[in-house]
Amino acid sequence: MSNIESLENDLPLIAEYSKMFKALSNPIRLRIFLRSLAKHPPGTIVDIDVDTMLSCQRSLAEEYGLAPSTISHHIKELSNVGLLHVQRTGQQVAIWVDVDAVEKLKLFFNHVSNE
């Protein structure tokens, strides 16, 4: 059985990939995810205060021509599928790219490119 066939038959993993790819299929979410990867390696927790987080959302919104609430929605969608993590504690926000999710994406592309 080839790598792709074994991957094709792993239905829970296929469902997980499907959710990740669906989230990343939106151009704004893909840009946010790529920007997060470019700024901080996966797993690097960035601690900021809520005001700084809101300021970052406003900056992205202005750059992308969207409302800040739309940026917040896109971040939530990336978080819902496990690509980003956002953890708020009081006035502090920790945000990071999930290491395991990035590794799963690498593994997926390694499977399909090695066939």
PDB file of N, CA and C in Angstrom:
ATOM      1  N   MET A   1       0.850  -1.182   0.000  1.00  0.00           N
ATOM      2  CA  MET A   1       0.000   0.000   0.000  1.00  0.00           C
ATOM      3  C   MET A   1       0.894   1.244   0.000  1.00  0.00           C
ATOM      4  N   SER A   2       0.578   2.183  -0.866  1.00  0.00           N
ATOM      5  CA  SER A   2       1.383   3.406  -0.962  1.00  0.00           C
ATOM      6  C   SER A   2       1.075   4.343   0.202  1.00  0.00           C
ATOM      7  N   ASN A   3       1.927   5.352   0.354  1.00  0.00           N
ATOM      8  CA  ASN A   3       1.708   6.359   1.398  1.00  0.00           C
ATOM      9  C   ASN A   3       0.364   7.050   1.241  1.00  0.00           C
ATOM     10  N   ILE A   4       0.023   7.371  -0.003  1.00  0.00           N
ATOM     11  CA  ILE A   4      -1.239   8.067  -0.243  1.00  0.00           C
ATOM     12  C   ILE A   4      -2.418   7.162   0.072  1.00  0.00           C
ATOM     13  N   GLU A   5      -2.331   5.886  -0.302  1.00  0.00           N
ATOM     14  CA  GLU A   5      -3.423   4.956   0.002  1.00  0.00           C
ATOM     15  C   GLU A   5      -3.621   4.796   1.495  1.00  0.00           C
ATOM     16  N   SER A   6      -2.519   4.704   2.236  1.00  0.00           N
ATOM     17  CA  SER A   6      -2.660   4.570   3.690  1.00  0.00           C
ATOM     18  C   SER A   6      -3.229   5.858   4.294  1.00  0.00           C
ATOM     19  N   LEU A   7      -2.837   6.981   3.760  1.00  0.00           N
ATOM     20  CA  LEU A   7      -3.386   8.250   4.221  1.00  0.00           C
ATOM     21  C   LEU A   7      -4.867   8.354   3.857  1.00  0.00           C
ATOM     22  N   GLU A   8      -5.196   7.942   2.649  1.00  0.00           N
ATOM     23  CA  GLU A   8      -6.577   8.009   2.176  1.00  0.00           C
ATOM     24  C   GLU A   8      -7.525   7.193   3.058  1.00  0.00           C
ATOM     25  N   ASN A   9      -7.042   6.128   3.634  1.00  0.00           N
ATOM     26  CA  ASN A   9      -7.876   5.243   4.445  1.00  0.00           C
ATOM     27  C   ASN A   9      -7.909   5.624   5.923  1.00  0.00           C
ATOM     28  N   ASP A  10      -7.153   6.628   6.314  1.00  0.00           N
ATOM     29  CA  ASP A  10      -7.161   7.099   7.706  1.00  0.00           C
ATOM     30  C   ASP A  10      -8.215   8.203   7.819  1.00  0.00           C
ATOM     31  N   LEU A  11      -9.465   7.799   7.995  1.00  0.00           N
ATOM     32  CA  LEU A  11     -10.583   8.742   7.945  1.00  0.00           C
ATOM     33  C   LEU A  11     -10.525   9.842   9.006  1.00  0.00           C
ATOM     34  N   PRO A  12     -10.136   9.550  10.249  1.00  0.00           N
ATOM     35  CA  PRO A  12     -10.031  10.653  11.214  1.00  0.00           C
ATOM     36  C   PRO A  12      -8.981  11.695  10.800  1.00  0.00           C
ATOM     37  N   LEU A  13      -7.873  11.216  10.256  1.00  0.00           N
ATOM     38  CA  LEU A  13      -6.832  12.144   9.809  1.00  0.00           C
ATOM     39  C   LEU A  13      -7.309  12.933   8.588  1.00  0.00           C
ATOM     40  N   ILE A  14      -8.014  12.277   7.683  1.00  0.00           N
ATOM     41  CA  ILE A  14      -8.571  12.966   6.515  1.00  0.00           C
ATOM     42  C   ILE A  14      -9.528  14.073   6.968  1.00  0.00           C
ATOM     43  N   ALA A  15     -10.353  13.773   7.964  1.00  0.00           N
ATOM     44  CA  ALA A  15     -11.294  14.784   8.478  1.00  0.00           C
ATOM     45  C   ALA A  15     -10.535  15.966   9.068  1.00  0.00           C
ATOM     46  N   GLU A  16      -9.453  15.678   9.781  1.00  0.00           N
ATOM     47  CA  GLU A  16      -8.647  16.748  10.373  1.00  0.00           C
ATOM     48  C   GLU A  16      -7.993  17.611   9.289  1.00  0.00           C
ATOM     49  N   TYR A  17      -7.410  16.964   8.288  1.00  0.00           N
ATOM     50  CA  TYR A  17      -6.815  17.717   7.174  1.00  0.00           C
ATOM     51  C   TYR A  17      -7.865  18.553   6.460  1.00  0.00           C
ATOM     52  N   SER A  18      -9.026  17.976   6.264  1.00  0.00           N
ATOM     53  CA  SER A  18     -10.098  18.681   5.581  1.00  0.00           C
ATOM     54  C   SER A  18     -10.449  19.977   6.305  1.00  0.00           C
ATOM     55  N   LYS A  19     -10.532  19.926   7.626  1.00  0.00           N
ATOM     56  CA  LYS A  19     -10.847  21.123   8.410  1.00  0.00           C
ATOM     57  C   LYS A  19      -9.738  22.164   8.295  1.00  0.00           C
ATOM     58  N   MET A  20      -8.484  21.705   8.356  1.00  0.00           N
ATOM     59  CA  MET A  20      -7.369  22.640   8.238  1.00  0.00           C
ATOM     60  C   MET A  20      -7.354  23.306   6.868  1.00  0.00           C
ATOM     61  N   PHE A  21      -7.507  22.489   5.812  1.00  0.00           N
ATOM     62  CA  PHE A  21      -7.477  23.045   4.463  1.00  0.00           C
ATOM     63  C   PHE A  21      -8.667  23.960   4.205  1.00  0.00           C
ATOM     64  N   LYS A  22      -9.808  23.637   4.782  1.00  0.00           N
ATOM     65  CA  LYS A  22     -10.965  24.514   4.624  1.00  0.00           C
ATOM     66  C   LYS A  22     -10.674  25.876   5.255  1.00  0.00           C
ATOM     67  N   ALA A  23     -10.092  25.862   6.444  1.00  0.00           N
ATOM     68  CA  ALA A  23      -9.748  27.125   7.105  1.00  0.00           C
ATOM     69  C   ALA A  23      -8.722  27.908   6.287  1.00  0.00           C
ATOM     70  N   LEU A  24      -7.740  27.203   5.754  1.00  0.00           N
ATOM     71  CA  LEU A  24      -6.675  27.872   4.998  1.00  0.00           C
ATOM     72  C   LEU A  24      -7.093  28.227   3.573  1.00  0.00           C
ATOM     73  N   SER A  25      -8.254  27.742   3.133  1.00  0.00           N
ATOM     74  CA  SER A  25      -8.697  28.065   1.774  1.00  0.00           C
ATOM     75  C   SER A  25      -9.186  29.506   1.652  1.00  0.00           C
ATOM     76  N   ASN A  26      -9.444  30.142   2.783  1.00  0.00           N
ATOM     77  CA  ASN A  26      -9.819  31.552   2.759  1.00  0.00           C
ATOM     78  C   ASN A  26      -8.543  32.383   2.651  1.00  0.00           C
ATOM     79  N   PRO A  27      -8.439  33.257   1.649  1.00  0.00           N
ATOM     80  CA  PRO A  27      -7.202  34.022   1.450  1.00  0.00           C
ATOM     81  C   PRO A  27      -6.776  34.858   2.663  1.00  0.00           C
ATOM     82  N   ILE A  28      -7.724  35.437   3.383  1.00  0.00           N
ATOM     83  CA  ILE A  28      -7.363  36.254   4.549  1.00  0.00           C
ATOM     84  C   ILE A  28      -6.809  35.366   5.657  1.00  0.00           C
ATOM     85  N   ARG A  29      -7.466  34.229   5.900  1.00  0.00           N
ATOM     86  CA  ARG A  29      -6.968  33.320   6.943  1.00  0.00           C
ATOM     87  C   ARG A  29      -5.596  32.776   6.577  1.00  0.00           C
ATOM     88  N   LEU A  30      -5.399  32.462   5.298  1.00  0.00           N
ATOM     89  CA  LEU A  30      -4.084  31.978   4.871  1.00  0.00           C
ATOM     90  C   LEU A  30      -3.031  33.060   5.086  1.00  0.00           C
ATOM     91  N   ARG A  31      -3.358  34.298   4.770  1.00  0.00           N
ATOM     92  CA  ARG A  31      -2.403  35.395   4.985  1.00  0.00           C
ATOM     93  C   ARG A  31      -2.092  35.573   6.465  1.00  0.00           C
ATOM     94  N   ILE A  32      -3.108  35.501   7.314  1.00  0.00           N
ATOM     95  CA  ILE A  32      -2.892  35.633   8.763  1.00  0.00           C
ATOM     96  C   ILE A  32      -2.003  34.491   9.259  1.00  0.00           C
ATOM     97  N   PHE A  33      -2.286  33.277   8.811  1.00  0.00           N
ATOM     98  CA  PHE A  33      -1.492  32.117   9.231  1.00  0.00           C
ATOM     99  C   PHE A  33      -0.046  32.251   8.755  1.00  0.00           C
ATOM    100  N   LEU A  34       0.150  32.631   7.494  1.00  0.00           N
ATOM    101  CA  LEU A  34       1.508  32.794   6.968  1.00  0.00           C
ATOM    102  C   LEU A  34       2.256  33.912   7.686  1.00  0.00           C
ATOM    103  N   ARG A  35       1.563  34.994   7.984  1.00  0.00           N
ATOM    104  CA  ARG A  35       2.199  36.094   8.713  1.00  0.00           C
ATOM    105  C   ARG A  35       2.626  35.619  10.106  1.00  0.00           C
ATOM    106  N   SER A  36       1.765  34.855  10.757  1.00  0.00           N
ATOM    107  CA  SER A  36       2.085  34.329  12.086  1.00  0.00           C
ATOM    108  C   SER A  36       3.310  33.429  12.017  1.00  0.00           C
ATOM    109  N   LEU A  37       3.376  32.572  10.995  1.00  0.00           N
ATOM    110  CA  LEU A  37       4.541  31.691  10.815  1.00  0.00           C
ATOM    111  C   LEU A  37       5.808  32.490  10.548  1.00  0.00           C
ATOM    112  N   ALA A  38       5.695  33.546   9.760  1.00  0.00           N
ATOM    113  CA  ALA A  38       6.861  34.349   9.402  1.00  0.00           C
ATOM    114  C   ALA A  38       7.407  35.114  10.603  1.00  0.00           C
ATOM    115  N   LYS A  39       6.506  35.561  11.472  1.00  0.00           N
ATOM    116  CA  LYS A  39       6.931  36.379  12.613  1.00  0.00           C
ATOM    117  C   LYS A  39       7.484  35.551  13.768  1.00  0.00           C
ATOM    118  N   HIS A  40       6.913  34.355  13.963  1.00  0.00           N
ATOM    119  CA  HIS A  40       7.314  33.536  15.116  1.00  0.00           C
ATOM    120  C   HIS A  40       7.270  32.061  14.738  1.00  0.00           C
ATOM    121  N   PRO A  41       8.328  31.316  15.030  1.00  0.00           N
ATOM    122  CA  PRO A  41       8.312  29.881  14.725  1.00  0.00           C
ATOM    123  C   PRO A  41       7.163  29.184  15.460  1.00  0.00           C
ATOM    124  N   PRO A  42       6.642  28.105  14.868  1.00  0.00           N
ATOM    125  CA  PRO A  42       5.570  27.369  15.536  1.00  0.00           C
ATOM    126  C   PRO A  42       5.943  27.014  16.978  1.00  0.00           C
ATOM    127  N   GLY A  43       4.994  27.190  17.858  1.00  0.00           N
ATOM    128  CA  GLY A  43       5.213  26.878  19.271  1.00  0.00           C
ATOM    129  C   GLY A  43       5.720  28.047  20.092  1.00  0.00           C
ATOM    130  N   THR A  44       6.157  29.128  19.435  1.00  0.00           N
ATOM    131  CA  THR A  44       6.635  30.301  20.157  1.00  0.00           C
ATOM    132  C   THR A  44       5.435  31.085  20.672  1.00  0.00           C
ATOM    133  N   ILE A  45       5.296  31.106  21.976  1.00  0.00           N
ATOM    134  CA  ILE A  45       4.160  31.788  22.591  1.00  0.00           C
ATOM    135  C   ILE A  45       4.472  33.276  22.699  1.00  0.00           C
ATOM    136  N   VAL A  46       3.585  34.074  22.142  1.00  0.00           N
ATOM    137  CA  VAL A  46       3.724  35.525  22.197  1.00  0.00           C
ATOM    138  C   VAL A  46       2.701  36.030  23.210  1.00  0.00           C
ATOM    139  N   ASP A  47       3.192  36.625  24.291  1.00  0.00           N
ATOM    140  CA  ASP A  47       2.316  37.193  25.314  1.00  0.00           C
ATOM    141  C   ASP A  47       2.179  38.691  25.080  1.00  0.00           C
ATOM    142  N   ILE A  48       0.945  39.125  24.883  1.00  0.00           N
ATOM    143  CA  ILE A  48       0.677  40.541  24.690  1.00  0.00           C
ATOM    144  C   ILE A  48      -0.535  40.929  25.518  1.00  0.00           C
ATOM    145  N   ASP A  49      -0.691  42.208  25.735  1.00  0.00           N
ATOM    146  CA  ASP A  49      -1.888  42.638  26.459  1.00  0.00           C
ATOM    147  C   ASP A  49      -3.035  42.793  25.468  1.00  0.00           C
ATOM    148  N   VAL A  50      -4.232  42.832  25.992  1.00  0.00           N
ATOM    149  CA  VAL A  50      -5.437  42.899  25.160  1.00  0.00           C
ATOM    150  C   VAL A  50      -5.405  44.120  24.242  1.00  0.00           C
ATOM    151  N   ASP A  51      -4.959  45.268  24.754  1.00  0.00           N
ATOM    152  CA  ASP A  51      -4.905  46.480  23.932  1.00  0.00           C
ATOM    153  C   ASP A  51      -3.982  46.294  22.729  1.00  0.00           C
ATOM    154  N   THR A  52      -2.844  45.621  22.933  1.00  0.00           N
ATOM    155  CA  THR A  52      -1.915  45.365  21.833  1.00  0.00           C
ATOM    156  C   THR A  52      -2.542  44.411  20.823  1.00  0.00           C
ATOM    157  N   MET A  53      -3.250  43.399  21.315  1.00  0.00           N
ATOM    158  CA  MET A  53      -3.936  42.461  20.426  1.00  0.00           C
ATOM    159  C   MET A  53      -4.965  43.198  19.568  1.00  0.00           C
ATOM    160  N   LEU A  54      -5.744  44.055  20.196  1.00  0.00           N
ATOM    161  CA  LEU A  54      -6.754  44.817  19.459  1.00  0.00           C
ATOM    162  C   LEU A  54      -6.094  45.758  18.453  1.00  0.00           C
ATOM    163  N   SER A  55      -4.977  46.343  18.835  1.00  0.00           N
ATOM    164  CA  SER A  55      -4.241  47.221  17.930  1.00  0.00           C
ATOM    165  C   SER A  55      -3.736  46.438  16.722  1.00  0.00           C
ATOM    166  N   CYS A  56      -3.240  45.228  16.950  1.00  0.00           N
ATOM    167  CA  CYS A  56      -2.777  44.374  15.845  1.00  0.00           C
ATOM    168  C   CYS A  56      -3.934  44.018  14.923  1.00  0.00           C
ATOM    169  N   GLN A  57      -5.089  43.706  15.517  1.00  0.00           N
ATOM    170  CA  GLN A  57      -6.267  43.389  14.707  1.00  0.00           C
ATOM    171  C   GLN A  57      -6.694  44.594  13.869  1.00  0.00           C
ATOM    172  N   ARG A  58      -6.644  45.780  14.478  1.00  0.00           N
ATOM    173  CA  ARG A  58      -7.002  46.994  13.731  1.00  0.00           C
ATOM    174  C   ARG A  58      -6.021  47.230  12.582  1.00  0.00           C
ATOM    175  N   SER A  59      -4.742  47.013  12.820  1.00  0.00           N
ATOM    176  CA  SER A  59      -3.727  47.199  11.774  1.00  0.00           C
ATOM    177  C   SER A  59      -3.949  46.229  10.617  1.00  0.00           C
ATOM    178  N   LEU A  60      -4.180  44.953  10.959  1.00  0.00           N
ATOM    179  CA  LEU A  60      -4.454  43.966   9.911  1.00  0.00           C
ATOM    180  C   LEU A  60      -5.728  44.314   9.147  1.00  0.00           C
ATOM    181  N   ALA A  61      -6.747  44.732   9.892  1.00  0.00           N
ATOM    182  CA  ALA A  61      -8.020  45.090   9.261  1.00  0.00           C
ATOM    183  C   ALA A  61      -7.824  46.224   8.266  1.00  0.00           C
ATOM    184  N   GLU A  62      -7.061  47.224   8.664  1.00  0.00           N
ATOM    185  CA  GLU A  62      -6.799  48.355   7.775  1.00  0.00           C
ATOM    186  C   GLU A  62      -6.009  47.903   6.554  1.00  0.00           C
ATOM    187  N   GLU A  63      -4.983  47.095   6.786  1.00  0.00           N
ATOM    188  CA  GLU A  63      -4.149  46.607   5.688  1.00  0.00           C
ATOM    189  C   GLU A  63      -4.958  45.758   4.704  1.00  0.00           C
ATOM    190  N   TYR A  64      -5.844  44.920   5.217  1.00  0.00           N
ATOM    191  CA  TYR A  64      -6.628  44.013   4.368  1.00  0.00           C
ATOM    192  C   TYR A  64      -7.955  44.615   3.920  1.00  0.00           C
ATOM    193  N   GLY A  65      -8.271  45.817   4.392  1.00  0.00           N
ATOM    194  CA  GLY A  65      -9.515  46.464   3.999  1.00  0.00           C
ATOM    195  C   GLY A  65     -10.743  45.805   4.600  1.00  0.00           C
ATOM    196  N   LEU A  66     -10.630  45.373   5.851  1.00  0.00           N
ATOM    197  CA  LEU A  66     -11.723  44.678   6.540  1.00  0.00           C
ATOM    198  C   LEU A  66     -12.003  45.327   7.883  1.00  0.00           C
ATOM    199  N   ALA A  67     -13.086  44.926   8.500  1.00  0.00           N
ATOM    200  CA  ALA A  67     -13.397  45.377   9.858  1.00  0.00           C
ATOM    201  C   ALA A  67     -12.566  44.556  10.853  1.00  0.00           C
ATOM    202  N   PRO A  68     -12.157  45.164  11.972  1.00  0.00           N
ATOM    203  CA  PRO A  68     -11.421  44.411  12.991  1.00  0.00           C
ATOM    204  C   PRO A  68     -12.172  43.163  13.458  1.00  0.00           C
ATOM    205  N   SER A  69     -13.497  43.238  13.526  1.00  0.00           N
ATOM    206  CA  SER A  69     -14.265  42.064  13.953  1.00  0.00           C
ATOM    207  C   SER A  69     -14.120  40.911  12.958  1.00  0.00           C
ATOM    208  N   THR A  70     -13.915  41.241  11.682  1.00  0.00           N
ATOM    209  CA  THR A  70     -13.711  40.202  10.664  1.00  0.00           C
ATOM    210  C   THR A  70     -12.359  39.524  10.872  1.00  0.00           C
ATOM    211  N   ILE A  71     -11.348  40.308  11.201  1.00  0.00           N
ATOM    212  CA  ILE A  71     -10.032  39.734  11.503  1.00  0.00           C
ATOM    213  C   ILE A  71     -10.145  38.814  12.717  1.00  0.00           C
ATOM    214  N   SER A  72     -10.854  39.266  13.729  1.00  0.00           N
ATOM    215  CA  SER A  72     -11.074  38.449  14.920  1.00  0.00           C
ATOM    216  C   SER A  72     -11.754  37.127  14.554  1.00  0.00           C
ATOM    217  N   HIS A  73     -12.741  37.187  13.676  1.00  0.00           N
ATOM    218  CA  HIS A  73     -13.440  35.987  13.221  1.00  0.00           C
ATOM    219  C   HIS A  73     -12.470  35.022  12.529  1.00  0.00           C
ATOM    220  N   HIS A  74     -11.606  35.547  11.668  1.00  0.00           N
ATOM    221  CA  HIS A  74     -10.654  34.694  10.954  1.00  0.00           C
ATOM    222  C   HIS A  74      -9.662  34.044  11.923  1.00  0.00           C
ATOM    223  N   ILE A  75      -9.225  34.792  12.906  1.00  0.00           N
ATOM    224  CA  ILE A  75      -8.321  34.223  13.916  1.00  0.00           C
ATOM    225  C   ILE A  75      -9.032  33.117  14.679  1.00  0.00           C
ATOM    226  N   LYS A  76     -10.302  33.345  15.000  1.00  0.00           N
ATOM    227  CA  LYS A  76     -11.091  32.322  15.702  1.00  0.00           C
ATOM    228  C   LYS A  76     -11.217  31.060  14.856  1.00  0.00           C
ATOM    229  N   GLU A  77     -11.446  31.212  13.561  1.00  0.00           N
ATOM    230  CA  GLU A  77     -11.557  30.049  12.669  1.00  0.00           C
ATOM    231  C   GLU A  77     -10.242  29.262  12.625  1.00  0.00           C
ATOM    232  N   LEU A  78      -9.124  29.956  12.566  1.00  0.00           N
ATOM    233  CA  LEU A  78      -7.821  29.277  12.591  1.00  0.00           C
ATOM    234  C   LEU A  78      -7.613  28.564  13.925  1.00  0.00           C
ATOM    235  N   SER A  79      -8.092  29.172  14.977  1.00  0.00           N
ATOM    236  CA  SER A  79      -8.002  28.570  16.302  1.00  0.00           C
ATOM    237  C   SER A  79      -8.916  27.347  16.420  1.00  0.00           C
ATOM    238  N   ASN A  80     -10.112  27.435  15.858  1.00  0.00           N
ATOM    239  CA  ASN A  80     -11.074  26.332  15.946  1.00  0.00           C
ATOM    240  C   ASN A  80     -10.551  25.032  15.334  1.00  0.00           C
ATOM    241  N   VAL A  81      -9.710  25.147  14.311  1.00  0.00           N
ATOM    242  CA  VAL A  81      -9.176  23.943  13.668  1.00  0.00           C
ATOM    243  C   VAL A  81      -7.786  23.578  14.189  1.00  0.00           C
ATOM    244  N   GLY A  82      -7.296  24.314  15.183  1.00  0.00           N
ATOM    245  CA  GLY A  82      -6.039  23.954  15.825  1.00  0.00           C
ATOM    246  C   GLY A  82      -4.784  24.479  15.165  1.00  0.00           C
ATOM    247  N   LEU A  83      -4.911  25.401  14.213  1.00  0.00           N
ATOM    248  CA  LEU A  83      -3.719  25.963  13.581  1.00  0.00           C
ATOM    249  C   LEU A  83      -3.086  27.051  14.440  1.00  0.00           C
ATOM    250  N   LEU A  84      -3.910  27.851  15.075  1.00  0.00           N
ATOM    251  CA  LEU A  84      -3.457  28.884  16.008  1.00  0.00           C
ATOM    252  C   LEU A  84      -4.079  28.611  17.367  1.00  0.00           C
ATOM    253  N   HIS A  85      -3.411  29.069  18.385  1.00  0.00           N
ATOM    254  CA  HIS A  85      -3.977  29.027  19.730  1.00  0.00           C
ATOM    255  C   HIS A  85      -4.003  30.448  20.276  1.00  0.00           C
ATOM    256  N   VAL A  86      -5.116  30.793  20.872  1.00  0.00           N
ATOM    257  CA  VAL A  86      -5.266  32.096  21.514  1.00  0.00           C
ATOM    258  C   VAL A  86      -5.817  31.820  22.905  1.00  0.00           C
ATOM    259  N   GLN A  87      -5.056  32.262  23.899  1.00  0.00           N
ATOM    260  CA  GLN A  87      -5.466  32.024  25.281  1.00  0.00           C
ATOM    261  C   GLN A  87      -5.447  33.351  26.026  1.00  0.00           C
ATOM    262  N   ARG A  88      -6.600  33.729  26.524  1.00  0.00           N
ATOM    263  CA  ARG A  88      -6.707  34.989  27.249  1.00  0.00           C
ATOM    264  C   ARG A  88      -6.770  34.709  28.742  1.00  0.00           C
ATOM    265  N   THR A  89      -5.950  35.438  29.486  1.00  0.00           N
ATOM    266  CA  THR A  89      -5.943  35.373  30.940  1.00  0.00           C
ATOM    267  C   THR A  89      -5.962  36.806  31.445  1.00  0.00           C
ATOM    268  N   GLY A  90      -7.122  37.236  31.917  1.00  0.00           N
ATOM    269  CA  GLY A  90      -7.257  38.621  32.366  1.00  0.00           C
ATOM    270  C   GLY A  90      -7.020  39.570  31.210  1.00  0.00           C
ATOM    271  N   GLN A  91      -6.046  40.459  31.385  1.00  0.00           N
ATOM    272  CA  GLN A  91      -5.714  41.439  30.343  1.00  0.00           C
ATOM    273  C   GLN A  91      -4.576  40.982  29.436  1.00  0.00           C
ATOM    274  N   GLN A  92      -4.133  39.735  29.599  1.00  0.00           N
ATOM    275  CA  GLN A  92      -3.049  39.195  28.774  1.00  0.00           C
ATOM    276  C   GLN A  92      -3.602  38.198  27.771  1.00  0.00           C
ATOM    277  N   VAL A  93      -2.995  38.179  26.593  1.00  0.00           N
ATOM    278  CA  VAL A  93      -3.354  37.236  25.549  1.00  0.00           C
ATOM    279  C   VAL A  93      -2.088  36.526  25.102  1.00  0.00           C
ATOM    280  N   ALA A  94      -2.152  35.209  25.066  1.00  0.00           N
ATOM    281  CA  ALA A  94      -1.049  34.413  24.522  1.00  0.00           C
ATOM    282  C   ALA A  94      -1.531  33.860  23.188  1.00  0.00           C
ATOM    283  N   ILE A  95      -0.704  33.992  22.174  1.00  0.00           N
ATOM    284  CA  ILE A  95      -1.066  33.486  20.846  1.00  0.00           C
ATOM    285  C   ILE A  95       0.144  32.767  20.267  1.00  0.00           C
ATOM    286  N   TRP A  96      -0.116  31.617  19.615  1.00  0.00           N
ATOM    287  CA  TRP A  96       0.975  30.874  19.011  1.00  0.00           C
ATOM    288  C   TRP A  96       0.449  29.949  17.912  1.00  0.00           C
ATOM    289  N   VAL A  97       1.352  29.621  16.977  1.00  0.00           N
ATOM    290  CA  VAL A  97       1.060  28.662  15.916  1.00  0.00           C
ATOM    291  C   VAL A  97       1.314  27.279  16.489  1.00  0.00           C
ATOM    292  N   ASP A  98       0.378  26.369  16.256  1.00  0.00           N
ATOM    293  CA  ASP A  98       0.483  25.023  16.803  1.00  0.00           C
ATOM    294  C   ASP A  98       1.558  24.209  16.075  1.00  0.00           C
ATOM    295  N   VAL A  99       2.509  23.696  16.824  1.00  0.00           N
ATOM    296  CA  VAL A  99       3.618  22.915  16.266  1.00  0.00           C
ATOM    297  C   VAL A  99       3.100  21.646  15.603  1.00  0.00           C
ATOM    298  N   ASP A 100       2.209  20.923  16.287  1.00  0.00           N
ATOM    299  CA  ASP A 100       1.708  19.661  15.753  1.00  0.00           C
ATOM    300  C   ASP A 100       0.940  19.858  14.447  1.00  0.00           C
ATOM    301  N   ALA A 101       0.174  20.928  14.360  1.00  0.00           N
ATOM    302  CA  ALA A 101      -0.587  21.194  13.140  1.00  0.00           C
ATOM    303  C   ALA A 101       0.364  21.447  11.965  1.00  0.00           C
ATOM    304  N   VAL A 102       1.412  22.212  12.202  1.00  0.00           N
ATOM    305  CA  VAL A 102       2.387  22.481  11.140  1.00  0.00           C
ATOM    306  C   VAL A 102       3.077  21.186  10.727  1.00  0.00           C
ATOM    307  N   GLU A 103       3.417  20.350  11.702  1.00  0.00           N
ATOM    308  CA  GLU A 103       4.048  19.061  11.390  1.00  0.00           C
ATOM    309  C   GLU A 103       3.108  18.169  10.592  1.00  0.00           C
ATOM    310  N   LYS A 104       1.812  18.180  10.932  1.00  0.00           N
ATOM    311  CA  LYS A 104       0.838  17.378  10.180  1.00  0.00           C
ATOM    312  C   LYS A 104       0.737  17.863   8.740  1.00  0.00           C
ATOM    313  N   LEU A 105       0.768  19.177   8.547  1.00  0.00           N
ATOM    314  CA  LEU A 105       0.726  19.711   7.185  1.00  0.00           C
ATOM    315  C   LEU A 105       1.983  19.306   6.407  1.00  0.00           C
ATOM    316  N   LYS A 106       3.129  19.373   7.055  1.00  0.00           N
ATOM    317  CA  LYS A 106       4.373  18.938   6.406  1.00  0.00           C
ATOM    318  C   LYS A 106       4.288  17.462   6.031  1.00  0.00           C
ATOM    319  N   LEU A 107       3.792  16.649   6.947  1.00  0.00           N
ATOM    320  CA  LEU A 107       3.660  15.211   6.709  1.00  0.00           C
ATOM    321  C   LEU A 107       2.730  14.953   5.523  1.00  0.00           C
ATOM    322  N   PHE A 108       1.621  15.675   5.462  1.00  0.00           N
ATOM    323  CA  PHE A 108       0.696  15.525   4.342  1.00  0.00           C
ATOM    324  C   PHE A 108       1.405  15.789   3.018  1.00  0.00           C
ATOM    325  N   PHE A 109       2.096  16.909   2.933  1.00  0.00           N
ATOM    326  CA  PHE A 109       2.744  17.246   1.675  1.00  0.00           C
ATOM    327  C   PHE A 109       3.919  16.334   1.368  1.00  0.00           C
ATOM    328  N   ASN A 110       4.574  15.807   2.386  1.00  0.00           N
ATOM    329  CA  ASN A 110       5.618  14.811   2.152  1.00  0.00           C
ATOM    330  C   ASN A 110       5.015  13.528   1.587  1.00  0.00           C
ATOM    331  N   HIS A 111       3.853  13.118   2.113  1.00  0.00           N
ATOM    332  CA  HIS A 111       3.175  11.912   1.598  1.00  0.00           C
ATOM    333  C   HIS A 111       2.846  12.064   0.126  1.00  0.00           C
ATOM    334  N   VAL A 112       2.252  13.178  -0.240  1.00  0.00           N
ATOM    335  CA  VAL A 112       1.803  13.316  -1.627  1.00  0.00           C
ATOM    336  C   VAL A 112       2.943  13.624  -2.582  1.00  0.00           C
ATOM    337  N   SER A 113       4.025  14.220  -2.093  1.00  0.00           N
ATOM    338  CA  SER A 113       5.141  14.539  -2.996  1.00  0.00           C
ATOM    339  C   SER A 113       6.074  13.341  -3.197  1.00  0.00           C
ATOM    340  N   ASN A 114       6.016  12.361  -2.292  1.00  0.00           N
ATOM    341  CA  ASN A 114       6.890  11.191  -2.403  1.00  0.00           C
ATOM    342  C   ASN A 114       6.285  10.088  -3.249  1.00  0.00           C
ATOM    343  N   GLU A 115       5.112  10.299  -3.784  1.00  0.00           N
ATOM    344  CA  GLU A 115       4.465   9.260  -4.599  1.00  0.00           C
ATOM    345  C   GLU A 115       4.912   9.364  -6.029  1.00  0.00           C
TER     346      GLU A 115
END
